[in-house]
Amino acid sequence: MTTPPQSPGRLPAFNMSLTHVTLPSSQVQVNRLTELVNEIILGTSVIVIVLSTITDPASPHPAETDVDRSRFTWPTWQGDTIPEAHQKWKAVFAPQDRTFRGLYYEGPTLEETPTFRVPNTVLSDAMWKMVQNQSCAVLCTGLTGDPSAAEITTALEEGKLQAVLVQALFA
Protein backbone atom coordinates (compact mmCIF):
# COMPACT_ATOMS: atom_id res chain seq x y z
CA MET A 1 0.00 0.00 0.00
CA THR A 2 1.42 3.37 -0.92
CA THR A 3 0.17 6.72 0.22
CA PRO A 4 0.69 9.65 -2.14
CA PRO A 5 3.21 12.32 -1.17
CA GLN A 6 2.18 15.22 1.04
CA SER A 7 0.20 18.10 -0.45
CA PRO A 8 2.26 21.13 -1.60
CA GLY A 9 3.62 23.10 1.31
CA ARG A 10 3.68 20.11 3.67
CA LEU A 11 6.99 18.75 4.85
CA PRO A 12 8.82 16.48 4.35
CA ALA A 13 8.70 15.22 0.76
CA PHE A 14 8.29 11.50 1.42
CA ASN A 15 6.32 8.68 -0.04
CA MET A 16 4.96 6.46 2.71
CA SER A 17 4.17 2.87 1.90
CA LEU A 18 2.75 0.25 4.23
CA THR A 19 3.71 -3.38 4.19
CA HIS A 20 4.24 -6.02 6.85
CA VAL A 21 7.00 -8.36 7.86
CA THR A 22 7.39 -11.28 10.20
CA LEU A 23 10.06 -10.33 12.69
CA PRO A 24 12.19 -13.33 13.59
CA SER A 25 13.51 -13.64 17.09
CA SER A 26 15.32 -16.40 18.91
CA GLN A 27 13.80 -15.19 22.16
CA VAL A 28 11.05 -13.01 23.51
CA GLN A 29 12.14 -9.39 23.15
CA VAL A 30 10.54 -6.58 25.10
CA ASN A 31 10.58 -3.01 23.81
CA ARG A 32 9.30 -0.31 26.10
CA LEU A 33 7.24 2.33 24.35
CA THR A 34 6.26 5.06 26.82
CA GLU A 35 4.18 3.27 29.42
CA LEU A 36 3.35 0.30 27.24
CA VAL A 37 5.36 -2.89 26.98
CA ASN A 38 5.30 -4.60 23.60
CA GLU A 39 6.45 -8.19 23.68
CA ILE A 40 7.60 -9.46 20.31
CA ILE A 41 7.80 -13.23 20.12
CA LEU A 42 9.10 -15.64 17.52
CA GLY A 43 7.34 -15.15 14.21
CA THR A 44 5.43 -11.96 15.06
CA SER A 45 4.05 -9.99 12.11
CA VAL A 46 4.07 -6.20 12.33
CA ILE A 47 3.23 -3.25 10.08
CA VAL A 48 6.22 -1.57 8.44
CA ILE A 49 5.85 2.05 7.32
CA VAL A 50 8.49 2.77 4.70
CA LEU A 51 9.43 6.44 4.33
CA SER A 52 11.13 6.79 0.96
CA THR A 53 12.35 10.08 -0.45
CA ILE A 54 10.64 11.36 -3.58
CA THR A 55 12.85 11.26 -6.64
CA ASP A 56 10.46 12.42 -9.38
CA PRO A 57 11.78 15.76 -10.71
CA ALA A 58 8.23 16.70 -11.74
CA SER A 59 7.09 16.34 -8.14
CA PRO A 60 5.67 19.52 -6.58
CA HIS A 61 7.88 18.86 -3.56
CA PRO A 62 11.37 20.30 -3.39
CA ALA A 63 14.24 17.88 -2.95
CA GLU A 64 15.63 19.96 -0.12
CA THR A 65 13.28 21.01 2.64
CA ASP A 66 13.52 22.69 6.02
CA VAL A 67 12.88 19.38 7.78
CA ASP A 68 15.42 18.34 10.37
CA ARG A 69 16.56 15.17 8.60
CA SER A 70 18.46 14.07 11.72
CA ARG A 71 15.07 13.04 13.15
CA PHE A 72 15.06 10.29 10.50
CA THR A 73 18.56 9.04 11.32
CA TRP A 74 17.73 5.71 12.88
CA PRO A 75 19.94 2.68 13.55
CA THR A 76 20.64 0.22 10.75
CA TRP A 77 17.99 -2.47 10.70
CA GLN A 78 19.55 -5.90 10.91
CA GLY A 79 17.00 -8.16 9.23
CA ASP A 80 17.30 -10.85 11.89
CA THR A 81 16.53 -8.53 14.82
CA ILE A 82 13.71 -6.31 15.96
CA PRO A 83 14.46 -2.59 15.54
CA GLU A 84 15.07 -0.73 18.77
CA ALA A 85 12.19 1.18 20.34
CA HIS A 86 11.94 4.94 19.82
CA GLN A 87 9.97 6.93 22.36
CA LYS A 88 9.22 10.11 20.39
CA TRP A 89 7.88 8.75 17.09
CA LYS A 90 4.30 7.47 16.85
CA ALA A 91 2.31 5.95 13.99
CA VAL A 92 -1.27 7.27 13.92
CA PHE A 93 -4.21 5.03 13.01
CA ALA A 94 -7.96 5.76 13.06
CA PRO A 95 -10.14 2.91 14.40
CA GLN A 96 -13.41 4.28 13.01
CA ASP A 97 -12.36 3.66 9.40
CA ARG A 98 -9.28 1.44 10.00
CA THR A 99 -6.88 3.82 8.28
CA PHE A 100 -3.26 4.91 8.60
CA ARG A 101 -3.24 8.70 9.08
CA GLY A 102 0.44 9.59 9.35
CA LEU A 103 3.31 10.05 11.78
CA TYR A 104 3.69 12.09 14.90
CA TYR A 105 6.94 13.27 16.44
CA GLU A 106 6.77 14.28 20.09
CA GLY A 107 9.06 17.29 20.37
CA PRO A 108 9.93 19.29 23.49
CA THR A 109 7.66 22.18 22.42
CA LEU A 110 4.50 22.50 20.38
CA GLU A 111 6.47 24.12 17.54
CA GLU A 112 8.83 21.13 17.51
CA THR A 113 6.01 18.57 17.51
CA PRO A 114 5.07 18.05 13.88
CA THR A 115 2.45 15.67 12.55
CA PHE A 116 3.20 14.25 9.12
CA ARG A 117 -0.22 13.57 7.67
CA VAL A 118 -0.95 11.42 4.65
CA PRO A 119 -4.16 10.77 2.76
CA ASN A 120 -6.13 8.15 4.70
CA THR A 121 -4.84 4.71 3.75
CA VAL A 122 -7.24 1.86 4.53
CA LEU A 123 -5.52 -1.16 6.06
CA SER A 124 -6.36 -4.68 4.97
CA ASP A 125 -8.06 -6.92 7.54
CA ALA A 126 -4.76 -8.71 8.24
CA MET A 127 -2.85 -5.43 8.70
CA TRP A 128 -5.51 -3.97 10.98
CA LYS A 129 -5.37 -7.10 13.15
CA MET A 130 -1.56 -6.81 13.34
CA VAL A 131 -1.61 -3.19 14.49
CA GLN A 132 -4.36 -3.92 17.03
CA ASN A 133 -2.58 -6.98 18.43
CA GLN A 134 0.88 -5.42 18.66
CA SER A 135 0.04 -1.71 19.17
CA CYS A 136 3.29 -0.88 17.43
CA ALA A 137 4.76 -0.41 13.97
CA VAL A 138 8.20 -0.23 12.40
CA LEU A 139 9.26 3.06 10.77
CA CYS A 140 11.85 2.50 8.10
CA THR A 141 14.02 4.69 5.83
CA GLY A 142 16.78 4.07 3.32
CA LEU A 143 14.94 3.87 0.02
CA THR A 144 13.91 6.30 -2.71
CA GLY A 145 10.89 6.48 -4.99
CA ASP A 146 8.07 3.98 -4.57
CA PRO A 147 9.84 0.71 -3.66
CA SER A 148 8.34 -2.69 -4.38
CA ALA A 149 8.16 -5.44 -1.77
CA ALA A 150 11.12 -7.14 -3.47
CA GLU A 151 13.20 -3.94 -3.28
CA ILE A 152 12.37 -3.57 0.41
CA THR A 153 13.37 -7.19 1.07
CA THR A 154 16.64 -6.82 -0.85
CA ALA A 155 17.51 -3.57 0.95
CA LEU A 156 16.82 -5.24 4.30
CA GLU A 157 19.01 -8.23 3.43
CA GLU A 158 21.81 -5.89 2.29
CA GLY A 159 21.66 -3.81 5.49
CA LYS A 160 20.59 -0.62 3.68
CA LEU A 161 17.58 0.19 5.85
CA GLN A 162 17.33 2.18 9.07
CA ALA A 163 14.39 1.51 11.37
CA VAL A 164 12.81 1.97 14.79
CA LEU A 165 9.92 0.32 16.57
CA VAL A 166 7.25 2.88 17.51
CA GLN A 167 3.97 2.99 19.40
CA ALA A 168 0.74 2.89 17.40
CA LEU A 169 -1.63 5.68 18.44
CA PHE A 170 -5.34 5.23 17.81
CA ALA A 171 -7.00 8.60 17.26
C-alpha atoms as a PDB file:
ATOM      1  CA  MET A   1       0.000   0.000   0.000  1.00  0.00           C
ATOM      2  CA  THR A   2       1.416   3.365  -0.919  1.00  0.00           C
ATOM      3  CA  THR A   3       0.169   6.722   0.220  1.00  0.00           C
ATOM      4  CA  PRO A   4       0.694   9.654  -2.142  1.00  0.00           C
ATOM      5  CA  PRO A   5       3.208  12.318  -1.167  1.00  0.00           C
ATOM      6  CA  GLN A   6       2.180  15.217   1.037  1.00  0.00           C
ATOM      7  CA  SER A   7       0.205  18.096  -0.449  1.00  0.00           C
ATOM      8  CA  PRO A   8       2.255  21.132  -1.598  1.00  0.00           C
ATOM      9  CA  GLY A   9       3.618  23.103   1.312  1.00  0.00           C
ATOM     10  CA  ARG A  10       3.677  20.113   3.665  1.00  0.00           C
ATOM     11  CA  LEU A  11       6.993  18.752   4.851  1.00  0.00           C
ATOM     12  CA  PRO A  12       8.820  16.485   4.346  1.00  0.00           C
ATOM     13  CA  ALA A  13       8.704  15.217   0.759  1.00  0.00           C
ATOM     14  CA  PHE A  14       8.290  11.505   1.422  1.00  0.00           C
ATOM     15  CA  ASN A  15       6.318   8.679  -0.040  1.00  0.00           C
ATOM     16  CA  MET A  16       4.962   6.460   2.712  1.00  0.00           C
ATOM     17  CA  SER A  17       4.165   2.870   1.896  1.00  0.00           C
ATOM     18  CA  LEU A  18       2.749   0.255   4.229  1.00  0.00           C
ATOM     19  CA  THR A  19       3.707  -3.379   4.193  1.00  0.00           C
ATOM     20  CA  HIS A  20       4.235  -6.019   6.849  1.00  0.00           C
ATOM     21  CA  VAL A  21       6.999  -8.364   7.859  1.00  0.00           C
ATOM     22  CA  THR A  22       7.394 -11.280  10.196  1.00  0.00           C
ATOM     23  CA  LEU A  23      10.063 -10.325  12.689  1.00  0.00           C
ATOM     24  CA  PRO A  24      12.185 -13.328  13.587  1.00  0.00           C
ATOM     25  CA  SER A  25      13.512 -13.642  17.087  1.00  0.00           C
ATOM     26  CA  SER A  26      15.324 -16.396  18.909  1.00  0.00           C
ATOM     27  CA  GLN A  27      13.803 -15.192  22.162  1.00  0.00           C
ATOM     28  CA  VAL A  28      11.053 -13.008  23.511  1.00  0.00           C
ATOM     29  CA  GLN A  29      12.141  -9.393  23.145  1.00  0.00           C
ATOM     30  CA  VAL A  30      10.539  -6.581  25.104  1.00  0.00           C
ATOM     31  CA  ASN A  31      10.582  -3.013  23.813  1.00  0.00           C
ATOM     32  CA  ARG A  32       9.300  -0.309  26.105  1.00  0.00           C
ATOM     33  CA  LEU A  33       7.244   2.327  24.346  1.00  0.00           C
ATOM     34  CA  THR A  34       6.264   5.061  26.818  1.00  0.00           C
ATOM     35  CA  GLU A  35       4.185   3.267  29.423  1.00  0.00           C
ATOM     36  CA  LEU A  36       3.347   0.295  27.235  1.00  0.00           C
ATOM     37  CA  VAL A  37       5.357  -2.886  26.981  1.00  0.00           C
ATOM     38  CA  ASN A  38       5.299  -4.604  23.602  1.00  0.00           C
ATOM     39  CA  GLU A  39       6.452  -8.190  23.682  1.00  0.00           C
ATOM     40  CA  ILE A  40       7.599  -9.459  20.315  1.00  0.00           C
ATOM     41  CA  ILE A  41       7.802 -13.233  20.119  1.00  0.00           C
ATOM     42  CA  LEU A  42       9.105 -15.644  17.525  1.00  0.00           C
ATOM     43  CA  GLY A  43       7.344 -15.148  14.211  1.00  0.00           C
ATOM     44  CA  THR A  44       5.434 -11.960  15.061  1.00  0.00           C
ATOM     45  CA  SER A  45       4.049  -9.988  12.111  1.00  0.00           C
ATOM     46  CA  VAL A  46       4.069  -6.195  12.326  1.00  0.00           C
ATOM     47  CA  ILE A  47       3.226  -3.253  10.084  1.00  0.00           C
ATOM     48  CA  VAL A  48       6.215  -1.569   8.438  1.00  0.00           C
ATOM     49  CA  ILE A  49       5.847   2.046   7.317  1.00  0.00           C
ATOM     50  CA  VAL A  50       8.493   2.773   4.702  1.00  0.00           C
ATOM     51  CA  LEU A  51       9.427   6.440   4.325  1.00  0.00           C
ATOM     52  CA  SER A  52      11.134   6.786   0.965  1.00  0.00           C
ATOM     53  CA  THR A  53      12.346  10.078  -0.445  1.00  0.00           C
ATOM     54  CA  ILE A  54      10.639  11.357  -3.583  1.00  0.00           C
ATOM     55  CA  THR A  55      12.855  11.259  -6.644  1.00  0.00           C
ATOM     56  CA  ASP A  56      10.465  12.421  -9.376  1.00  0.00           C
ATOM     57  CA  PRO A  57      11.785  15.755 -10.711  1.00  0.00           C
ATOM     58  CA  ALA A  58       8.229  16.702 -11.741  1.00  0.00           C
ATOM     59  CA  SER A  59       7.090  16.344  -8.142  1.00  0.00           C
ATOM     60  CA  PRO A  60       5.670  19.523  -6.577  1.00  0.00           C
ATOM     61  CA  HIS A  61       7.877  18.857  -3.560  1.00  0.00           C
ATOM     62  CA  PRO A  62      11.369  20.300  -3.388  1.00  0.00           C
ATOM     63  CA  ALA A  63      14.240  17.878  -2.952  1.00  0.00           C
ATOM     64  CA  GLU A  64      15.634  19.964  -0.121  1.00  0.00           C
ATOM     65  CA  THR A  65      13.279  21.012   2.642  1.00  0.00           C
ATOM     66  CA  ASP A  66      13.520  22.688   6.016  1.00  0.00           C
ATOM     67  CA  VAL A  67      12.875  19.378   7.784  1.00  0.00           C
ATOM     68  CA  ASP A  68      15.417  18.342  10.366  1.00  0.00           C
ATOM     69  CA  ARG A  69      16.557  15.171   8.603  1.00  0.00           C
ATOM     70  CA  SER A  70      18.459  14.073  11.721  1.00  0.00           C
ATOM     71  CA  ARG A  71      15.074  13.044  13.150  1.00  0.00           C
ATOM     72  CA  PHE A  72      15.061  10.294  10.500  1.00  0.00           C
ATOM     73  CA  THR A  73      18.555   9.039  11.318  1.00  0.00           C
ATOM     74  CA  TRP A  74      17.735   5.713  12.884  1.00  0.00           C
ATOM     75  CA  PRO A  75      19.941   2.676  13.554  1.00  0.00           C
ATOM     76  CA  THR A  76      20.636   0.222  10.745  1.00  0.00           C
ATOM     77  CA  TRP A  77      17.992  -2.472  10.696  1.00  0.00           C
ATOM     78  CA  GLN A  78      19.546  -5.898  10.914  1.00  0.00           C
ATOM     79  CA  GLY A  79      17.000  -8.160   9.226  1.00  0.00           C
ATOM     80  CA  ASP A  80      17.297 -10.851  11.886  1.00  0.00           C
ATOM     81  CA  THR A  81      16.526  -8.533  14.818  1.00  0.00           C
ATOM     82  CA  ILE A  82      13.709  -6.306  15.959  1.00  0.00           C
ATOM     83  CA  PRO A  83      14.462  -2.589  15.541  1.00  0.00           C
ATOM     84  CA  GLU A  84      15.073  -0.731  18.774  1.00  0.00           C
ATOM     85  CA  ALA A  85      12.192   1.181  20.338  1.00  0.00           C
ATOM     86  CA  HIS A  86      11.944   4.943  19.816  1.00  0.00           C
ATOM     87  CA  GLN A  87       9.966   6.934  22.362  1.00  0.00           C
ATOM     88  CA  LYS A  88       9.221  10.112  20.387  1.00  0.00           C
ATOM     89  CA  TRP A  89       7.882   8.754  17.086  1.00  0.00           C
ATOM     90  CA  LYS A  90       4.302   7.468  16.848  1.00  0.00           C
ATOM     91  CA  ALA A  91       2.307   5.953  13.987  1.00  0.00           C
ATOM     92  CA  VAL A  92      -1.272   7.266  13.921  1.00  0.00           C
ATOM     93  CA  PHE A  93      -4.212   5.028  13.011  1.00  0.00           C
ATOM     94  CA  ALA A  94      -7.957   5.756  13.065  1.00  0.00           C
ATOM     95  CA  PRO A  95     -10.135   2.911  14.398  1.00  0.00           C
ATOM     96  CA  GLN A  96     -13.413   4.281  13.007  1.00  0.00           C
ATOM     97  CA  ASP A  97     -12.363   3.658   9.396  1.00  0.00           C
ATOM     98  CA  ARG A  98      -9.275   1.437   9.997  1.00  0.00           C
ATOM     99  CA  THR A  99      -6.877   3.821   8.280  1.00  0.00           C
ATOM    100  CA  PHE A 100      -3.257   4.911   8.604  1.00  0.00           C
ATOM    101  CA  ARG A 101      -3.242   8.703   9.077  1.00  0.00           C
ATOM    102  CA  GLY A 102       0.440   9.592   9.349  1.00  0.00           C
ATOM    103  CA  LEU A 103       3.307  10.049  11.775  1.00  0.00           C
ATOM    104  CA  TYR A 104       3.687  12.095  14.897  1.00  0.00           C
ATOM    105  CA  TYR A 105       6.941  13.265  16.441  1.00  0.00           C
ATOM    106  CA  GLU A 106       6.772  14.277  20.089  1.00  0.00           C
ATOM    107  CA  GLY A 107       9.061  17.294  20.367  1.00  0.00           C
ATOM    108  CA  PRO A 108       9.927  19.286  23.490  1.00  0.00           C
ATOM    109  CA  THR A 109       7.659  22.180  22.420  1.00  0.00           C
ATOM    110  CA  LEU A 110       4.496  22.499  20.376  1.00  0.00           C
ATOM    111  CA  GLU A 111       6.466  24.124  17.537  1.00  0.00           C
ATOM    112  CA  GLU A 112       8.827  21.134  17.506  1.00  0.00           C
ATOM    113  CA  THR A 113       6.010  18.570  17.515  1.00  0.00           C
ATOM    114  CA  PRO A 114       5.068  18.051  13.876  1.00  0.00           C
ATOM    115  CA  THR A 115       2.449  15.675  12.555  1.00  0.00           C
ATOM    116  CA  PHE A 116       3.203  14.254   9.123  1.00  0.00           C
ATOM    117  CA  ARG A 117      -0.225  13.574   7.668  1.00  0.00           C
ATOM    118  CA  VAL A 118      -0.946  11.423   4.649  1.00  0.00           C
ATOM    119  CA  PRO A 119      -4.161  10.767   2.763  1.00  0.00           C
ATOM    120  CA  ASN A 120      -6.126   8.153   4.695  1.00  0.00           C
ATOM    121  CA  THR A 121      -4.845   4.707   3.747  1.00  0.00           C
ATOM    122  CA  VAL A 122      -7.241   1.860   4.535  1.00  0.00           C
ATOM    123  CA  LEU A 123      -5.516  -1.162   6.062  1.00  0.00           C
ATOM    124  CA  SER A 124      -6.362  -4.685   4.970  1.00  0.00           C
ATOM    125  CA  ASP A 125      -8.064  -6.925   7.536  1.00  0.00           C
ATOM    126  CA  ALA A 126      -4.764  -8.707   8.243  1.00  0.00           C
ATOM    127  CA  MET A 127      -2.855  -5.431   8.697  1.00  0.00           C
ATOM    128  CA  TRP A 128      -5.512  -3.972  10.979  1.00  0.00           C
ATOM    129  CA  LYS A 129      -5.374  -7.100  13.146  1.00  0.00           C
ATOM    130  CA  MET A 130      -1.560  -6.807  13.337  1.00  0.00           C
ATOM    131  CA  VAL A 131      -1.614  -3.194  14.493  1.00  0.00           C
ATOM    132  CA  GLN A 132      -4.356  -3.924  17.026  1.00  0.00           C
ATOM    133  CA  ASN A 133      -2.582  -6.982  18.427  1.00  0.00           C
ATOM    134  CA  GLN A 134       0.883  -5.423  18.659  1.00  0.00           C
ATOM    135  CA  SER A 135       0.038  -1.709  19.167  1.00  0.00           C
ATOM    136  CA  CYS A 136       3.291  -0.883  17.435  1.00  0.00           C
ATOM    137  CA  ALA A 137       4.757  -0.406  13.966  1.00  0.00           C
ATOM    138  CA  VAL A 138       8.198  -0.227  12.403  1.00  0.00           C
ATOM    139  CA  LEU A 139       9.261   3.062  10.770  1.00  0.00           C
ATOM    140  CA  CYS A 140      11.851   2.496   8.098  1.00  0.00           C
ATOM    141  CA  THR A 141      14.025   4.693   5.828  1.00  0.00           C
ATOM    142  CA  GLY A 142      16.781   4.066   3.323  1.00  0.00           C
ATOM    143  CA  LEU A 143      14.940   3.865   0.016  1.00  0.00           C
ATOM    144  CA  THR A 144      13.906   6.301  -2.713  1.00  0.00           C
ATOM    145  CA  GLY A 145      10.892   6.480  -4.991  1.00  0.00           C
ATOM    146  CA  ASP A 146       8.068   3.976  -4.570  1.00  0.00           C
ATOM    147  CA  PRO A 147       9.838   0.710  -3.665  1.00  0.00           C
ATOM    148  CA  SER A 148       8.336  -2.686  -4.377  1.00  0.00           C
ATOM    149  CA  ALA A 149       8.161  -5.435  -1.768  1.00  0.00           C
ATOM    150  CA  ALA A 150      11.122  -7.143  -3.470  1.00  0.00           C
ATOM    151  CA  GLU A 151      13.204  -3.941  -3.277  1.00  0.00           C
ATOM    152  CA  ILE A 152      12.368  -3.575   0.414  1.00  0.00           C
ATOM    153  CA  THR A 153      13.367  -7.192   1.075  1.00  0.00           C
ATOM    154  CA  THR A 154      16.637  -6.821  -0.853  1.00  0.00           C
ATOM    155  CA  ALA A 155      17.513  -3.573   0.950  1.00  0.00           C
ATOM    156  CA  LEU A 156      16.822  -5.239   4.302  1.00  0.00           C
ATOM    157  CA  GLU A 157      19.013  -8.231   3.428  1.00  0.00           C
ATOM    158  CA  GLU A 158      21.811  -5.892   2.292  1.00  0.00           C
ATOM    159  CA  GLY A 159      21.661  -3.809   5.493  1.00  0.00           C
ATOM    160  CA  LYS A 160      20.593  -0.621   3.679  1.00  0.00           C
ATOM    161  CA  LEU A 161      17.577   0.192   5.845  1.00  0.00           C
ATOM    162  CA  GLN A 162      17.330   2.176   9.066  1.00  0.00           C
ATOM    163  CA  ALA A 163      14.390   1.513  11.370  1.00  0.00           C
ATOM    164  CA  VAL A 164      12.812   1.969  14.789  1.00  0.00           C
ATOM    165  CA  LEU A 165       9.915   0.324  16.574  1.00  0.00           C
ATOM    166  CA  VAL A 166       7.247   2.877  17.515  1.00  0.00           C
ATOM    167  CA  GLN A 167       3.971   2.985  19.399  1.00  0.00           C
ATOM    168  CA  ALA A 168       0.740   2.893  17.397  1.00  0.00           C
ATOM    169  CA  LEU A 169      -1.627   5.683  18.439  1.00  0.00           C
ATOM    170  CA  PHE A 170      -5.339   5.226  17.811  1.00  0.00           C
ATOM    171  CA  ALA A 171      -6.997   8.599  17.258  1.00  0.00           C
END
